[in-house]
Amino acid sequence: MLLAALIRRRSNIARLALARCVLFATFVLATDPVTAELLSEAQIKAAFLYNFTRFVEWPEGAFATPQDPLVIGVFGEDGLTADLQAIVAGRRVNGRAIIVRNVEDESDAAVAQVLFISAAVDARLDTLHGSLADRAVLTVGESSAFAASGGVILFVERGGKLRFEINMAAAARAQVKVSAELQKLATAVRSAP
């Protein structure tokens, strides 16, 4: 009986180690210079967005039913939508199907659990954040205006590679829990806006 428990424990440790390796490899491959030359910036962002869904938890009220899909909204960047749809096709996160939608205006944004906000819509950030108040939405953006307005995850370029920073205070306000594994992969984790 002790031997069986030891084998199960080692098996669980091995699975955890494998999961961490897969997580690390996924993010490294998306930012590796050789791979990056083969992928467009939109494809790399799409890969990040999909992977973020795997390492974030939403509160129970974020979904009306256990069968509801996880919705990734794209606001102001139509080119990203097709790449993101290709990546998530047939995949599930925590048993939920994934749907990608273009977000046309601020009122549409509330249907998403993840919302990518392009720098092209920076002028609408105040209205957008107002429409998302009291909603559990992981916001991801790419501009300093997005970061200053209280976005959760910010794409940044470091050494010619796409990376990301996490604002944990914004995550808490958005009612989303960012895993420790994802925090370790960020170039910066901030606790204040």
Foldseek 3Di string as FASTA:
>chain_A
DVVVVVVVVVVVVVVVVVVLVVLVVLLCLLFPPVNPVVDDPLLSVLSVQVSQLQFKDADPVLDPDPAEAAEEEEEPDVVNQVSNCVVQVPHGHPNHRYHYYYDDDLLSVLNHQEYEYEPRCLVCLVVNVVNLQVHQHQYEYEDPSCVVSLHAKYWDADPNTTFIEGAVCSNVRSRMDGHPSNNVRHPYYHPHD
